[in-house]
């Protein structure tokens, strides 16, 4: 299917989805949809699941949450992990519940691993093992992640080749799978069931993508500045003050949080102007890199309906596509 064109659907789809890179306008578009059609929003965001992480994740405000039912937000403490497998199970259950209430599930977010797992199925690989993971993290603290990346290359060269030496989260998981099962993670990934039913029908995935990257970069910088002005540093200080969190947790590896935690480790909780400027640059750069990865993933999906999020009529396009899928507004 040509991106941007909605195919004819004989019946209303079982769900619709709205994906896009960070700062592309997904939240505003989803609320505009919710004001016109009976939908309930399922967050597809690995950072919004965490309580107490509101500013740095651009979490919807209480007023925005009150405009429509939202799901999978504030469901985990930052000390806890939340996997793609758990997301698939939760989202699948919620979609059934929402349809039973006579509404349409609206999946909204930018965590592409979650979308991929939901649409393509999960690998039948071992579950997380806390003891093994802690041993790997201890080795990383002593040797550094590049050294563990070299270890991974010895047992799973295909996976090591596609990972950055500093991609701590994926290196950790790959080593964990190998230690638990004795098999490379790449072996499990090739066994994914080809018959997995995709709950998102062709044409029901809308993708907000910029024609001009500079537009998105400006939005990312504006958002980071707004986060700092809203008290993001204080939010991270409160998380650090708990005493039970550390930078290797999935929650603290979220973009913005990782860079701020590292800056405070190096300079103390009180940053001077030069340190704050450096943090701002690092945070914006990391967010741009995240957005680049998100766009690359989306552009590999021919079944999506691409909407130029930097077009003046972007929201109107989203609403027209939604009407083609769900019919006239209620």
Protein backbone atom coordinates (compact mmCIF):
# COMPACT_ATOMS: atom_id res chain seq x y z
CA UNK A 1 0.00 0.00 0.00
CA UNK A 2 1.24 3.47 -0.79
CA UNK A 3 1.87 5.38 2.46
CA UNK A 4 -0.69 8.12 2.90
CA UNK A 5 -3.63 6.35 1.27
CA UNK A 6 -6.29 4.66 3.38
CA UNK A 7 -7.55 1.40 1.82
CA UNK A 8 -11.23 0.57 1.72
CA UNK A 9 -12.24 -1.47 4.75
CA UNK A 10 -15.49 -3.37 4.57
CA UNK A 11 -16.05 -3.04 8.30
CA UNK A 12 -14.86 -0.84 11.13
CA UNK A 13 -11.38 -2.03 12.21
CA UNK A 14 -10.91 -3.71 15.57
CA UNK A 15 -8.49 -0.96 16.58
CA UNK A 16 -6.64 1.99 15.13
CA UNK A 17 -3.10 3.10 15.91
CA UNK A 18 -1.23 6.40 15.89
CA UNK A 19 2.55 6.16 15.88
CA UNK A 20 5.35 8.63 15.31
CA UNK A 21 8.64 9.94 16.66
CA UNK A 22 8.85 11.90 19.86
CA UNK A 23 7.47 15.47 19.66
CA UNK A 24 5.53 14.76 16.44
CA UNK A 25 2.14 15.68 17.93
CA UNK A 26 0.72 12.25 18.76
CA UNK A 27 -0.87 13.26 22.07
CA UNK A 28 -2.71 16.26 20.64
CA UNK A 29 -3.93 14.22 17.68
CA UNK A 30 -5.14 11.38 19.89
CA UNK A 31 -7.15 13.77 22.08
CA UNK A 32 -8.67 15.35 18.96
CA UNK A 33 -9.77 11.88 17.84
CA UNK A 34 -11.16 11.12 21.30
CA UNK A 35 -13.26 14.29 21.22
CA UNK A 36 -15.01 13.08 18.05
CA UNK A 37 -15.21 9.28 18.24
CA UNK A 38 -15.86 6.79 21.08
CA UNK A 39 -12.32 5.57 21.61
CA UNK A 40 -10.18 4.61 24.59
CA UNK A 41 -6.45 5.32 24.40
CA UNK A 42 -3.86 2.60 25.03
CA UNK A 43 -0.40 4.07 25.57
CA UNK A 44 2.36 2.42 23.53
CA UNK A 45 5.18 4.08 25.46
CA UNK A 46 7.77 2.34 27.60
CA UNK A 47 8.39 5.48 29.71
CA UNK A 48 4.78 6.45 30.50
CA UNK A 49 4.31 3.22 32.45
CA UNK A 50 6.41 4.62 35.32
CA UNK A 51 4.96 6.52 38.25
CA UNK A 52 6.78 9.66 39.37
CA UNK A 53 8.28 10.23 35.92
CA UNK A 54 5.91 12.87 34.59
CA UNK A 55 7.89 15.85 33.32
CA UNK A 56 10.68 14.03 31.51
CA UNK A 57 8.27 11.70 29.73
CA UNK A 58 5.88 14.47 28.63
CA UNK A 59 3.15 12.48 30.34
CA UNK A 60 -0.40 13.73 29.67
CA UNK A 61 -1.57 16.19 32.30
CA UNK A 62 -4.47 15.33 34.64
CA UNK A 63 -6.69 17.59 32.52
CA UNK A 64 -5.69 15.72 29.35
CA UNK A 65 -6.16 12.33 31.01
CA UNK A 66 -9.67 13.41 31.99
CA UNK A 67 -10.63 14.04 28.37
CA UNK A 68 -10.61 10.34 27.46
CA UNK A 69 -9.93 6.98 29.12
CA UNK A 70 -6.19 6.21 29.08
CA UNK A 71 -4.54 2.86 29.76
CA UNK A 72 -1.01 1.62 30.56
CA UNK A 73 0.09 4.88 32.19
CA UNK A 74 1.49 4.92 35.77
CA UNK A 75 1.29 1.13 36.12
CA UNK A 76 4.87 0.48 37.36
CA UNK A 77 7.24 1.82 39.98
CA UNK A 78 10.55 2.96 38.43
CA UNK A 79 12.27 0.09 40.26
CA UNK A 80 10.24 -2.44 38.27
CA UNK A 81 10.77 -3.59 34.70
CA UNK A 82 8.03 -3.75 32.07
CA UNK A 83 8.66 -5.95 29.06
CA UNK A 84 7.34 -6.03 25.52
CA UNK A 85 5.72 -9.38 26.33
CA UNK A 86 3.84 -7.81 29.24
CA UNK A 87 2.75 -4.96 26.97
CA UNK A 88 1.38 -7.39 24.36
CA UNK A 89 -0.56 -9.29 27.02
CA UNK A 90 -1.92 -6.10 28.59
CA UNK A 91 -2.77 -4.41 25.30
CA UNK A 92 -4.49 -7.52 23.93
CA UNK A 93 -6.63 -7.83 27.07
CA UNK A 94 -7.47 -4.13 27.04
CA UNK A 95 -8.46 -4.13 23.37
CA UNK A 96 -10.99 -6.86 24.09
CA UNK A 97 -12.36 -5.00 27.11
CA UNK A 98 -12.64 -1.71 25.19
CA UNK A 99 -14.47 -3.32 22.28
CA UNK A 100 -16.83 -5.00 24.75
CA UNK A 101 -17.72 -1.51 26.00
CA UNK A 102 -18.65 -0.46 22.47
CA UNK A 103 -15.56 1.69 21.93
CA UNK A 104 -12.58 1.45 19.57
CA UNK A 105 -9.07 0.94 21.00
CA UNK A 106 -6.72 3.73 19.93
CA UNK A 107 -3.07 2.67 20.34
CA UNK A 108 -0.84 5.75 20.64
CA UNK A 109 2.90 5.99 21.15
CA UNK A 110 6.42 5.79 19.88
CA UNK A 111 7.90 2.67 21.48
CA UNK A 112 8.45 0.77 18.27
CA UNK A 113 9.49 -2.44 20.01
CA UNK A 114 6.00 -2.60 21.53
CA UNK A 115 4.33 -2.03 18.16
CA UNK A 116 6.57 -4.66 16.57
CA UNK A 117 5.81 -7.21 19.29
CA UNK A 118 2.07 -6.57 19.01
CA UNK A 119 2.03 -6.77 15.23
CA UNK A 120 4.55 -9.56 14.63
CA UNK A 121 4.43 -11.66 17.78
CA UNK A 122 6.93 -12.42 20.51
CA UNK A 123 10.02 -14.58 20.40
CA UNK A 124 9.78 -17.74 22.50
CA UNK A 125 12.82 -16.86 24.56
CA UNK A 126 13.56 -17.17 28.29
CA UNK A 127 11.97 -14.78 30.73
CA UNK A 128 14.08 -12.24 32.59
CA UNK A 129 16.23 -13.65 35.38
CA UNK A 130 16.96 -11.07 38.09
CA UNK A 131 20.00 -12.89 39.49
CA UNK A 132 21.64 -13.31 36.08
CA UNK A 133 20.85 -9.72 35.19
CA UNK A 134 22.46 -8.45 38.38
CA UNK A 135 25.64 -10.43 37.65
CA UNK A 136 25.80 -8.92 34.17
CA UNK A 137 25.24 -5.40 35.53
CA UNK A 138 28.00 -5.96 38.12
CA UNK A 139 30.42 -6.98 35.36
CA UNK A 140 29.40 -3.93 33.35
CA UNK A 141 30.07 -1.63 36.29
CA UNK A 142 33.52 -3.16 36.68
CA UNK A 143 34.51 -3.53 33.02
CA UNK A 144 32.23 -1.22 31.03
CA UNK A 145 29.60 -2.08 28.43
CA UNK A 146 32.08 -2.14 25.48
CA UNK A 147 33.86 -5.02 27.21
CA UNK A 148 30.58 -6.89 27.57
CA UNK A 149 29.82 -6.12 23.95
CA UNK A 150 33.08 -7.89 23.10
CA UNK A 151 31.95 -10.86 25.23
CA UNK A 152 28.67 -10.94 23.32
CA UNK A 153 30.56 -11.00 20.00
CA UNK A 154 32.19 -14.26 21.08
CA UNK A 155 28.86 -16.05 21.64
CA UNK A 156 26.44 -14.21 19.33
CA UNK A 157 28.24 -12.39 16.55
CA UNK A 158 25.09 -11.48 14.54
CA UNK A 159 23.55 -9.70 17.52
CA UNK A 160 26.79 -7.98 18.52
CA UNK A 161 27.25 -6.72 14.96
CA UNK A 162 23.95 -4.84 14.96
CA UNK A 163 24.35 -3.37 18.47
CA UNK A 164 26.36 -0.36 19.55
CA UNK A 165 29.06 -1.17 22.16
CA UNK A 166 27.21 1.19 24.52
CA UNK A 167 23.70 -0.20 23.97
CA UNK A 168 23.57 -1.44 27.55
CA UNK A 169 19.95 -2.56 27.59
CA UNK A 170 20.16 -4.83 24.53
CA UNK A 171 23.65 -6.15 25.34
CA UNK A 172 22.42 -7.06 28.81
CA UNK A 173 19.37 -8.88 27.47
CA UNK A 174 21.37 -10.77 24.85
CA UNK A 175 23.91 -11.95 27.42
CA UNK A 176 21.14 -12.83 29.85
CA UNK A 177 19.39 -15.01 27.27
CA UNK A 178 22.64 -16.78 26.43
CA UNK A 179 23.51 -17.43 30.08
CA UNK A 180 20.02 -18.73 30.89
CA UNK A 181 19.47 -20.86 27.78
CA UNK A 182 22.89 -21.53 26.31
CA UNK A 183 21.61 -20.25 22.96
CA UNK A 184 22.13 -16.87 21.26
CA UNK A 185 19.21 -14.47 21.29
CA UNK A 186 19.44 -14.33 17.48
CA UNK A 187 18.36 -17.99 17.35
CA UNK A 188 15.17 -17.24 19.26
CA UNK A 189 14.45 -14.21 17.09
CA UNK A 190 14.39 -16.35 13.95
CA UNK A 191 11.73 -18.63 15.45
CA UNK A 192 9.02 -15.98 15.67
CA UNK A 193 5.71 -17.47 14.62
CA UNK A 194 4.91 -16.48 11.06
CA UNK A 195 1.18 -16.94 11.62
CA UNK A 196 0.89 -14.41 14.47
CA UNK A 197 -2.36 -12.49 13.91
CA UNK A 198 -1.71 -8.77 13.55
CA UNK A 199 -4.48 -6.89 15.42
CA UNK A 200 -3.78 -3.71 13.44
CA UNK A 201 -5.32 -4.05 9.98
CA UNK A 202 -3.57 -2.56 6.92
CA UNK A 203 -4.43 1.13 6.76
CA UNK A 204 -5.37 1.35 10.44
CA UNK A 205 -1.89 2.50 11.49
CA UNK A 206 -1.43 6.26 11.06
CA UNK A 207 2.18 7.44 11.21
CA UNK A 208 3.15 11.05 11.93
CA UNK A 209 6.41 11.70 10.07
CA UNK A 210 8.11 15.04 9.32
CA UNK A 211 9.01 16.01 5.78
CA UNK A 212 11.61 18.40 7.22
CA UNK A 213 13.75 17.04 10.06
CA UNK A 214 14.65 20.58 11.16
CA UNK A 215 10.99 21.10 12.13
CA UNK A 216 11.12 18.08 14.41
CA UNK A 217 14.51 19.09 15.82
CA UNK A 218 13.10 22.49 16.77
CA UNK A 219 10.14 20.81 18.48
CA UNK A 220 12.48 18.51 20.40
CA UNK A 221 14.56 21.46 21.62
CA UNK A 222 11.44 23.38 22.63
CA UNK A 223 10.13 20.36 24.54
CA UNK A 224 13.41 19.83 26.39
CA UNK A 225 13.54 23.51 27.36
CA UNK A 226 9.93 23.31 28.56
CA UNK A 227 10.79 20.23 30.65
CA UNK A 228 13.66 22.07 32.31
CA UNK A 229 11.43 25.07 33.01
CA UNK A 230 8.75 22.81 34.48
CA UNK A 231 11.11 21.35 37.08
CA UNK A 232 12.64 18.30 35.39
CA UNK A 233 15.84 18.56 37.43
CA UNK A 234 13.83 18.48 40.65
CA UNK A 235 11.97 15.42 39.38
CA UNK A 236 15.26 13.58 38.82
CA UNK A 237 16.57 14.74 42.21
CA UNK A 238 13.50 13.22 43.87
CA UNK A 239 14.08 9.94 42.06
CA UNK A 240 17.74 9.92 43.11
CA UNK A 241 16.80 10.74 46.70
CA UNK A 242 14.82 7.49 46.97
CA UNK A 243 18.09 5.62 47.29
CA UNK A 244 16.88 2.42 45.62
CA UNK A 245 17.18 3.50 41.97
CA UNK A 246 20.29 3.36 39.81
CA UNK A 247 21.17 4.32 36.22
CA UNK A 248 21.13 0.74 34.91
CA UNK A 249 17.39 0.35 35.48
CA UNK A 250 15.20 0.49 32.34
CA UNK A 251 13.32 3.45 33.82
CA UNK A 252 16.47 5.48 34.37
CA UNK A 253 17.75 4.65 30.90
CA UNK A 254 14.90 6.65 29.36
CA UNK A 255 16.07 9.54 27.22
CA UNK A 256 16.56 12.66 29.32
CA UNK A 257 16.68 10.77 32.60
CA UNK A 258 19.89 8.96 31.70
CA UNK A 259 21.67 12.16 30.67
CA UNK A 260 20.46 14.05 33.75
CA UNK A 261 21.43 11.23 36.12
CA UNK A 262 24.92 11.09 34.60
CA UNK A 263 25.29 14.88 34.85
CA UNK A 264 24.32 14.80 38.53
CA UNK A 265 26.66 11.89 39.19
CA UNK A 266 29.51 13.94 37.73
CA UNK A 267 28.70 17.37 39.16
CA UNK A 268 26.32 16.84 42.06
CA UNK A 269 22.63 17.53 42.17
CA UNK A 270 23.15 21.29 41.78
CA UNK A 271 24.35 22.05 38.24
CA UNK A 272 25.98 25.35 37.35
CA UNK A 273 25.10 27.19 34.16
CA UNK A 274 27.82 25.55 32.07
CA UNK A 275 26.87 22.07 33.29
CA UNK A 276 23.20 22.78 32.64
CA UNK A 277 23.99 23.93 29.10
CA UNK A 278 25.97 20.75 28.49
CA UNK A 279 23.11 18.65 29.84
CA UNK A 280 20.67 20.46 27.55
CA UNK A 281 22.85 19.74 24.51
CA UNK A 282 23.27 16.08 25.43
CA UNK A 283 19.58 15.61 26.16
CA UNK A 284 18.48 17.20 22.90
CA UNK A 285 21.02 15.17 20.91
CA UNK A 286 19.90 11.91 22.52
CA UNK A 287 16.27 12.73 21.80
CA UNK A 288 17.10 13.49 18.16
CA UNK A 289 18.82 10.11 17.90
CA UNK A 290 15.74 8.42 19.37
CA UNK A 291 13.51 10.19 16.85
CA UNK A 292 15.78 9.10 14.00
CA UNK A 293 15.48 5.44 15.07
CA UNK A 294 11.70 5.75 15.37
CA UNK A 295 11.37 7.22 11.88
CA UNK A 296 13.62 4.55 10.38
CA UNK A 297 11.42 1.84 11.90
CA UNK A 298 8.23 3.44 10.64
CA UNK A 299 9.48 3.93 7.10
CA UNK A 300 10.14 0.20 6.87
CA UNK A 301 6.39 -0.42 7.25
CA UNK A 302 4.61 -0.19 3.87
CA UNK A 303 1.22 -0.83 5.49
CA UNK A 304 1.24 2.44 7.41
CA UNK A 305 -0.61 5.61 6.42
CA UNK A 306 1.99 8.37 6.59
CA UNK A 307 0.89 11.88 7.54
CA UNK A 308 3.32 14.80 7.33
CA UNK A 309 3.24 16.07 10.90
CA UNK A 310 4.91 19.34 9.87
CA UNK A 311 2.19 20.12 7.30
CA UNK A 312 -0.18 22.98 8.24
CA UNK A 313 -3.16 20.64 7.88
CA UNK A 314 -1.60 17.64 9.67
CA UNK A 315 -4.35 17.35 12.27
CA UNK A 316 -7.06 17.71 9.62
CA UNK A 317 -5.41 14.87 7.67
CA UNK A 318 -5.39 12.64 10.75
CA UNK A 319 -9.07 13.34 11.34
CA UNK A 320 -9.95 12.63 7.69
CA UNK A 321 -8.11 9.32 7.81
CA UNK A 322 -9.81 8.46 11.08
CA UNK A 323 -13.21 9.18 9.57
CA UNK A 324 -12.38 6.88 6.66
CA UNK A 325 -11.73 4.14 9.21
CA UNK A 326 -14.44 4.77 11.84
CA UNK A 327 -17.13 6.62 9.91
CA UNK A 328 -18.55 10.08 10.65
CA UNK A 329 -17.93 11.47 14.16
CA UNK A 330 -20.47 10.55 16.78
